[in-house]
Protein backbone atom coordinates (compact mmCIF):
# COMPACT_ATOMS: atom_id res chain seq x y z
CA MET A 1 68.81 85.26 77.34
CA THR A 2 67.45 88.28 79.21
CA ALA A 3 69.51 91.45 79.48
CA GLU A 4 69.78 90.80 83.21
CA LYS A 5 71.52 87.45 82.59
CA HIS A 6 73.85 88.58 79.80
CA ALA A 7 76.76 91.01 79.91
CA GLU A 8 79.76 91.98 77.88
CA VAL A 9 81.92 91.15 80.94
CA ALA A 10 81.11 88.65 83.70
CA ILE A 11 83.24 88.78 86.85
CA ILE A 12 83.23 85.58 88.88
CA GLY A 13 83.89 86.32 92.53
CA GLY A 14 82.48 89.07 94.73
CA GLY A 15 85.47 89.62 97.01
CA ILE A 16 87.52 92.79 97.09
CA VAL A 17 89.32 92.01 93.82
CA GLY A 18 86.09 91.20 91.96
CA CYS A 19 84.38 94.31 93.37
CA ALA A 20 87.28 96.56 92.32
CA ILE A 21 87.24 95.08 88.81
CA ALA A 22 83.47 95.59 88.63
CA TYR A 23 83.88 99.24 89.63
CA TYR A 24 86.50 100.06 87.00
CA VAL A 25 84.85 98.02 84.22
CA ALA A 26 81.40 99.53 84.89
CA LYS A 27 82.86 103.03 85.17
CA SER A 28 84.53 102.63 81.75
CA GLY A 29 81.07 102.17 80.23
CA MET A 30 81.14 98.41 79.63
CA ASP A 31 78.11 96.28 80.43
CA CYS A 32 79.17 94.00 83.29
CA MET A 33 77.94 91.72 86.05
CA ILE A 34 79.33 90.05 89.19
CA ILE A 35 78.48 86.41 89.84
CA GLU A 36 79.17 85.38 93.44
CA LYS A 37 78.39 82.01 95.04
CA ASN A 38 77.45 83.51 98.44
CA ASP A 39 77.15 87.18 99.42
CA LEU A 40 79.58 89.93 98.47
CA ALA A 41 82.74 89.92 100.61
CA SER A 42 81.75 86.60 102.20
CA GLY A 43 85.05 84.78 101.55
CA THR A 44 88.63 85.81 102.23
CA SER A 45 87.75 89.53 102.00
CA SER A 46 85.74 89.28 105.22
CA ARG A 47 88.37 87.14 106.95
CA CYS A 48 91.45 89.32 106.77
CA ASP A 49 92.86 92.58 107.97
CA GLY A 50 92.59 95.87 106.10
CA ASN A 51 96.16 96.88 105.34
CA ILE A 52 97.03 98.76 102.16
CA THR A 53 100.75 98.48 102.66
CA ILE A 54 104.07 98.79 100.92
CA VAL A 55 106.01 98.17 104.11
CA ASP A 56 105.82 94.38 103.58
CA LYS A 57 106.53 94.31 99.84
CA ASP A 58 109.75 93.33 98.12
CA PRO A 59 111.52 96.39 96.67
CA GLY A 60 111.06 96.89 92.94
CA PHE A 61 107.98 95.84 90.96
CA ASP A 62 106.11 94.54 94.01
CA SER A 63 106.40 97.76 96.03
CA LYS A 64 105.78 100.04 93.03
CA MET A 65 102.60 98.10 92.15
CA SER A 66 101.45 98.65 95.75
CA LEU A 67 102.18 102.37 95.55
CA VAL A 68 99.98 102.67 92.43
CA SER A 69 97.22 100.83 94.31
CA GLN A 70 97.58 103.21 97.27
CA GLU A 71 97.27 106.22 94.98
CA LEU A 72 94.11 104.78 93.37
CA THR A 73 92.63 104.15 96.83
CA VAL A 74 93.24 107.81 97.78
CA ASP A 75 91.18 108.76 94.70
CA LEU A 76 88.44 106.26 95.60
CA ASN A 77 88.19 107.72 99.09
CA LYS A 78 87.02 110.91 97.37
CA GLU A 79 84.87 109.24 94.67
CA LEU A 80 82.95 106.56 96.59
CA GLU A 81 79.93 107.64 98.59
CA LEU A 82 79.80 104.90 101.23
CA PRO A 83 82.66 105.49 103.72
CA PHE A 84 84.99 102.51 104.19
CA GLU A 85 87.00 103.57 107.27
CA TYR A 86 89.98 104.86 105.28
CA ARG A 87 92.83 105.93 107.58
CA ALA A 88 96.17 107.03 106.11
CA HIS A 89 98.41 106.86 109.15
CA GLY A 90 101.38 105.00 107.69
CA SER A 91 102.57 101.71 109.19
CA ILE A 92 105.59 100.36 111.02
CA LEU A 93 107.71 97.22 111.13
CA VAL A 94 109.40 96.44 114.46
CA CYS A 95 112.54 94.35 114.92
CA ASP A 96 113.04 91.56 117.43
CA ASN A 97 116.85 91.77 117.62
CA GLU A 98 119.91 93.67 116.38
CA GLU A 99 120.37 91.33 113.43
CA GLU A 100 116.89 92.19 112.14
CA MET A 101 117.63 95.85 112.82
CA GLU A 102 120.62 95.69 110.46
CA ALA A 103 118.45 94.04 107.79
CA ALA A 104 115.71 96.67 108.35
CA THR A 105 118.19 99.53 107.89
CA GLU A 106 119.30 97.98 104.60
CA TRP A 107 115.63 97.49 103.62
CA VAL A 108 114.93 101.22 104.14
CA LYS A 109 117.93 102.17 102.02
CA ILE A 110 116.77 99.94 99.12
CA GLN A 111 113.17 101.24 99.32
CA ASN A 112 114.37 104.88 99.46
CA GLU A 113 116.47 104.25 96.34
CA SER A 114 113.23 103.09 94.66
CA GLY A 115 111.66 106.46 95.53
CA LEU A 116 109.48 105.22 98.41
CA LYS A 117 108.94 107.06 101.70
CA PHE A 118 110.57 104.77 104.27
CA ASN A 119 112.29 105.86 107.51
CA VAL A 120 114.41 104.02 110.10
CA LEU A 121 112.97 104.14 113.64
CA ASP A 122 115.22 103.82 116.68
CA HIS A 123 114.46 102.46 120.14
CA LEU A 124 113.03 105.81 121.35
CA ASP A 125 110.81 106.20 118.27
CA ILE A 126 109.22 102.83 119.06
CA ARG A 127 108.60 103.86 122.68
CA GLU A 128 106.81 106.99 121.44
CA GLU A 129 104.57 104.92 119.11
CA SER A 130 102.94 103.12 122.01
CA PRO A 131 103.47 102.75 125.78
CA PHE A 132 102.53 99.08 125.36
CA PHE A 133 105.69 98.15 123.44
CA ALA A 134 108.34 96.00 125.14
CA HIS A 135 111.34 97.97 126.40
CA ASP A 136 113.95 95.86 124.59
CA ILE A 137 112.76 96.42 120.99
CA PRO A 138 115.83 97.84 119.21
CA GLY A 139 113.86 99.77 116.59
CA GLY A 140 112.19 99.29 113.25
CA LEU A 141 111.06 101.20 110.20
CA GLU A 142 108.02 103.03 108.89
CA CYS A 143 106.36 103.54 105.52
CA GLU A 144 104.63 106.93 105.47
CA THR A 145 102.13 106.16 102.67
CA ASP A 146 100.51 103.01 104.13
CA SER A 147 96.84 103.08 105.09
CA LEU A 148 94.03 101.03 106.61
CA ILE A 149 90.51 100.32 105.36
CA ASN A 150 87.58 98.10 106.29
CA PRO A 151 87.66 95.54 103.41
CA TYR A 152 84.05 94.48 103.92
CA LEU A 153 82.76 98.06 103.67
CA PHE A 154 85.12 98.75 100.76
CA CYS A 155 83.55 95.92 98.72
CA TYR A 156 80.05 97.31 99.25
CA SER A 157 81.21 100.88 98.61
CA LEU A 158 82.76 99.86 95.25
CA VAL A 159 79.68 97.89 94.20
CA GLU A 160 77.17 100.58 95.19
CA LYS A 161 79.03 103.08 93.00
CA ALA A 162 79.44 100.54 90.18
CA LYS A 163 75.66 99.95 90.20
CA GLU A 164 75.24 103.63 89.29
CA TYR A 165 77.29 102.84 86.18
CA GLY A 166 75.05 99.85 85.38
CA LEU A 167 76.67 96.90 87.21
CA LYS A 168 74.40 93.87 87.65
CA VAL A 169 74.96 91.83 90.82
CA HIS A 170 74.04 88.15 91.08
CA THR A 171 74.69 86.66 94.53
CA ASN A 172 73.96 83.14 95.80
CA ALA A 173 74.83 81.90 92.30
CA GLU A 174 77.60 79.31 92.52
CA VAL A 175 79.24 78.61 89.16
CA THR A 176 78.92 74.91 88.31
CA ASN A 177 80.22 74.93 84.73
CA ILE A 178 81.56 77.26 82.03
CA SER A 179 81.79 76.52 78.34
CA LYS A 180 82.68 78.68 75.38
CA GLN A 181 80.89 78.93 72.08
CA ASP A 182 80.45 82.37 70.53
CA ASP A 183 79.85 83.59 74.09
CA PHE A 184 80.81 82.09 77.42
CA ILE A 185 77.94 80.07 78.89
CA ILE A 186 78.10 80.21 82.69
CA GLU A 187 75.92 77.67 84.47
CA THR A 188 75.15 78.43 88.12
CA THR A 189 72.89 77.31 90.95
CA ASP A 190 70.79 80.36 90.05
CA GLY A 191 70.39 79.65 86.34
CA THR A 192 72.49 80.24 83.24
CA TYR A 193 74.32 83.45 82.35
CA THR A 194 76.18 84.45 79.19
CA ALA A 195 79.02 86.89 78.55
CA LYS A 196 81.45 87.93 75.84
CA LYS A 197 84.33 87.98 78.34
CA VAL A 198 84.86 86.35 81.73
CA VAL A 199 87.14 87.46 84.58
CA ASN A 200 88.06 84.77 87.10
CA ALA A 201 88.39 86.67 90.39
CA ALA A 202 87.54 83.69 92.59
CA GLY A 203 90.60 83.87 94.86
CA VAL A 204 91.49 80.48 96.36
CA TRP A 205 88.69 78.96 94.27
CA ALA A 206 90.12 80.30 91.00
CA PRO A 207 91.68 76.92 90.05
CA PHE A 208 88.21 75.29 90.06
CA ILE A 209 86.87 77.94 87.68
CA GLY A 210 89.97 77.48 85.51
CA GLU A 211 89.44 73.70 85.35
CA MET A 212 86.04 74.24 83.74
CA LEU A 213 87.85 75.74 80.73
CA ASN A 214 90.87 73.38 80.91
CA VAL A 215 93.06 76.20 82.25
CA ASP A 216 95.51 75.10 84.96
CA ILE A 217 95.86 77.89 87.55
CA PRO A 218 98.76 77.36 90.00
CA ILE A 219 97.15 78.82 93.14
CA LYS A 220 97.09 77.09 96.55
CA PRO A 221 95.19 78.10 99.69
CA ARG A 222 97.43 79.26 102.55
CA LYS A 223 95.55 79.53 105.83
CA GLY A 224 95.95 82.43 108.25
CA HIS A 225 94.48 83.00 111.72
CA ILE A 226 93.38 86.35 113.15
CA LEU A 227 92.51 87.15 116.78
CA VAL A 228 90.16 90.00 117.66
CA GLY A 229 91.04 91.93 120.82
CA ALA A 230 88.51 93.93 122.84
CA ARG A 231 88.72 97.69 123.10
CA GLN A 232 90.10 98.74 126.48
CA GLU A 233 92.42 101.57 125.57
CA PRO A 234 94.11 102.25 122.23
CA VAL A 235 97.19 100.04 121.87
CA MET A 236 98.33 101.62 118.60
CA MET A 237 96.95 104.22 116.22
CA ARG A 238 98.45 102.58 113.15
CA ASN A 239 99.25 99.18 111.75
CA VAL A 240 102.33 97.39 113.10
CA MET A 241 104.09 94.24 111.90
CA GLU A 242 107.27 92.59 113.01
CA PHE A 243 110.17 92.40 110.58
CA GLY A 244 109.89 88.61 110.77
CA TYR A 245 106.59 88.89 108.85
CA LEU A 246 108.67 89.57 105.75
CA MET A 247 110.90 86.60 106.48
CA ASN A 248 107.79 84.37 106.77
CA LYS A 249 106.10 85.73 103.70
CA PHE A 250 109.07 85.20 101.44
CA GLY A 251 110.30 81.98 103.08
CA ARG A 252 113.47 83.40 104.65
CA GLU A 253 115.26 82.09 107.73
CA ARG A 254 114.28 83.57 111.12
CA LYS A 255 115.60 83.23 114.64
CA VAL A 256 112.45 82.18 116.52
CA ASP A 257 111.32 79.25 118.67
CA ALA A 258 110.25 76.04 116.96
CA ARG A 259 106.52 76.52 117.57
CA THR A 260 106.49 80.04 116.10
CA ALA A 261 108.41 78.79 113.06
CA ALA A 262 106.20 75.70 112.61
CA HIS A 263 102.98 77.74 112.50
CA GLY A 264 104.53 80.49 110.35
CA VAL A 265 103.60 83.03 113.03
CA ALA A 266 104.70 86.68 112.94
CA LEU A 267 103.13 89.63 114.70
CA VAL A 268 100.66 91.85 112.87
CA LEU A 269 98.50 94.23 114.92
CA GLU A 270 95.89 96.42 113.29
CA PRO A 271 93.70 98.92 115.15
CA THR A 272 90.15 99.12 113.80
CA GLU A 273 88.25 102.37 113.56
CA SER A 274 86.21 101.34 116.62
CA GLN A 275 89.53 100.75 118.45
CA ASN A 276 89.16 97.02 118.78
CA PHE A 277 92.26 95.46 117.31
CA LEU A 278 93.16 92.52 115.09
CA ILE A 279 96.20 90.34 115.84
CA GLY A 280 97.83 87.95 113.39
CA SER A 281 99.38 86.23 111.65
CA SER A 282 100.04 82.63 110.70
CA ARG A 283 100.78 80.87 107.41
CA GLN A 284 99.96 77.20 106.85
CA PHE A 285 99.33 74.95 103.87
CA VAL A 286 96.43 72.76 105.03
CA GLY A 287 94.30 72.67 101.89
CA TYR A 288 90.82 74.15 102.22
CA ASP A 289 90.53 73.44 105.96
CA GLY A 290 89.26 76.69 107.49
CA SER A 291 88.96 75.45 111.07
CA VAL A 292 90.49 77.42 113.95
CA ASP A 293 93.50 75.65 115.52
CA ILE A 294 93.80 76.60 119.21
CA ASN A 295 97.55 75.82 119.14
CA VAL A 296 98.06 78.44 116.43
CA VAL A 297 95.87 80.94 118.32
CA GLN A 298 98.06 80.45 121.43
CA THR A 299 101.25 80.86 119.38
CA ILE A 300 99.97 84.15 117.90
CA ALA A 301 98.98 85.40 121.37
CA ASN A 302 102.41 84.51 122.75
CA ARG A 303 104.10 86.26 119.86
CA ALA A 304 102.02 89.40 120.45
CA LEU A 305 103.14 89.39 124.11
CA ARG A 306 106.79 89.41 122.97
CA PHE A 307 106.21 92.89 121.53
CA PHE A 308 103.29 94.05 123.73
CA PRO A 309 103.82 92.41 127.18
CA LYS A 310 101.37 94.80 128.88
CA MET A 311 98.51 93.32 126.83
CA ASN A 312 98.51 90.12 128.88
CA ASP A 313 95.25 91.07 130.63
CA PHE A 314 93.36 92.16 127.50
CA ASN A 315 90.26 90.22 126.48
CA LEU A 316 90.05 88.41 123.16
CA ILE A 317 86.59 88.45 121.58
CA ARG A 318 87.05 85.71 118.99
CA SER A 319 89.38 84.22 116.41
CA TYR A 320 88.81 83.24 112.79
CA THR A 321 90.70 82.05 109.74
CA GLY A 322 90.97 83.02 106.09
CA LEU A 323 92.53 81.31 103.09
CA ARG A 324 95.10 83.30 101.11
CA PRO A 325 95.45 82.51 97.38
CA TRP A 326 99.19 81.73 97.18
CA THR A 327 101.39 81.59 94.08
CA GLU A 328 104.95 80.30 93.93
CA ASP A 329 106.55 83.69 93.16
CA HIS A 330 104.30 85.67 95.58
CA LEU A 331 102.89 87.81 92.76
CA PRO A 332 99.25 87.71 91.61
CA ILE A 333 98.05 86.58 88.20
CA ILE A 334 96.41 89.56 86.46
CA SER A 335 96.25 88.46 82.89
CA ALA A 336 94.49 87.39 79.75
CA VAL A 337 94.68 83.68 78.95
CA GLU A 338 95.76 83.29 75.34
CA GLU A 339 94.45 79.72 74.99
CA VAL A 340 90.91 80.88 75.82
CA PRO A 341 90.27 84.25 74.13
CA GLY A 342 88.14 86.49 76.33
CA PHE A 343 89.09 84.70 79.57
CA PHE A 344 91.02 86.69 82.19
CA ILE A 345 92.46 85.78 85.59
CA ALA A 346 92.70 88.18 88.55
CA ALA A 347 93.71 86.01 91.51
CA GLY A 348 96.67 84.74 93.50
CA HIS A 349 97.27 87.87 95.61
CA GLU A 350 98.02 85.81 98.75
CA GLY A 351 97.90 88.29 101.67
CA ASP A 352 97.97 91.33 99.37
CA GLY A 353 94.45 91.27 97.95
CA ILE A 354 93.42 94.30 100.02
CA SER A 355 96.59 96.19 99.09
CA LEU A 356 96.39 95.36 95.39
CA ALA A 357 92.63 95.28 94.67
CA THR A 358 92.44 98.71 93.09
CA VAL A 359 95.47 98.34 90.79
CA THR A 360 94.16 94.89 89.81
CA GLY A 361 90.73 96.31 88.97
CA LYS A 362 92.19 99.09 86.84
CA LEU A 363 94.65 96.78 85.06
CA ILE A 364 91.95 94.22 84.18
CA GLU A 365 89.77 97.01 82.78
CA GLN A 366 92.71 98.15 80.60
CA LEU A 367 93.45 94.58 79.44
CA ILE A 368 89.78 94.04 78.50
CA GLN A 369 89.81 97.32 76.57
CA GLY A 370 93.00 96.21 74.79
CA GLU A 371 94.99 99.24 75.90
CA ASN A 372 98.71 99.19 75.14
CA GLU A 373 99.69 101.61 77.89
CA THR A 374 98.81 99.95 81.20
CA ILE A 375 98.94 101.32 84.73
CA ILE A 376 101.71 98.86 85.69
CA PRO A 377 103.90 96.60 83.50
CA ILE A 378 102.05 93.36 82.74
CA ASP A 379 104.93 90.91 82.26
CA PRO A 380 105.54 90.11 85.98
CA VAL A 381 101.84 89.23 86.51
CA ARG A 382 101.17 87.37 83.25
CA TYR A 383 99.54 83.95 83.49
CA ASP A 384 102.02 82.34 81.10
CA ARG A 385 105.05 83.16 83.31
CA PHE A 386 104.48 79.85 85.08
CA LYS A 387 104.72 77.94 81.81
CA VAL A 388 108.07 79.54 81.07
CA VAL A 389 109.33 78.45 84.50
CA SER A 390 108.09 74.87 84.15
CA ALA A 391 109.50 74.53 80.65
CA HIS A 392 113.09 74.74 81.93
């Protein structure tokens, strides 16, 4: 096997999680390679928004893990040479009604008690955020530390730097089989590769990679739609979500019309650096069907008009979908697999892959190195937590 086709660590998947892992592993001095079936950032990482947020995380482990990831991204903004449209403006959640406003106020209190920088926003604060907001929005909340990036550029920025540390990149190489002898033997459409250790960072496709080694990975694809609005004048300078996004994400009851509930729609609006804007979001379990559903697109547009009624004459450029890798407890799997020594999983981030890519990359590097002190506690993201649940 040539040096080009062998590495100490092979990372399967060239999305944002795989690219972040490659960066940290290569930087630590280990010989590593990425194996990606298409081009870098060609899957979910090019079909999503670019939020690095805590505002939508459950208080406790989830939000603290996101804060660590935000801090690492601040460092990367200084270290990486290719700019990736990093904007640290904070983000806001807006409420639809007084009931949500009460819940939001409680949410801020809990997050503040965890040491996070959250503030309650009243009706006037929302009006000052944007003249496009509806007049009857009671208020919301903000997280000061949230930021935006361009995920596509971020992937390339990470990989370009990792190449300086020796990363080998193999694209258009779809993995067709993996077996383990002394080394892992990775068969692809572009020949055979070998590695001492393998990281499965294949996102929604991670279960198929797991199957090759008889490892059952409980990840399901959860489809989301995004609409792209044309630049006319800046609607917002920072990311905005509705409080109902949290209710959707964690499966909580909301007061919305039947169509909005059926499509799992909640407002997310993200300004891009070029001042186009992205509008989401929807959540549907439809397997690996990535087609655009015009009914869902209309529901998202209607929901956006609830909060931004003056946008009714804005042009939409296009819409697209992405598949989120969903797990039952809404936390990713970032873990070694004890049954297959040398095999690691870094997948299942659902809609948080952009937010959690950097902390995932750093944690996987530490797990591969066998470090006892890790950047975040590993128990909540261990692979075997699902076995414990199913055993009861």
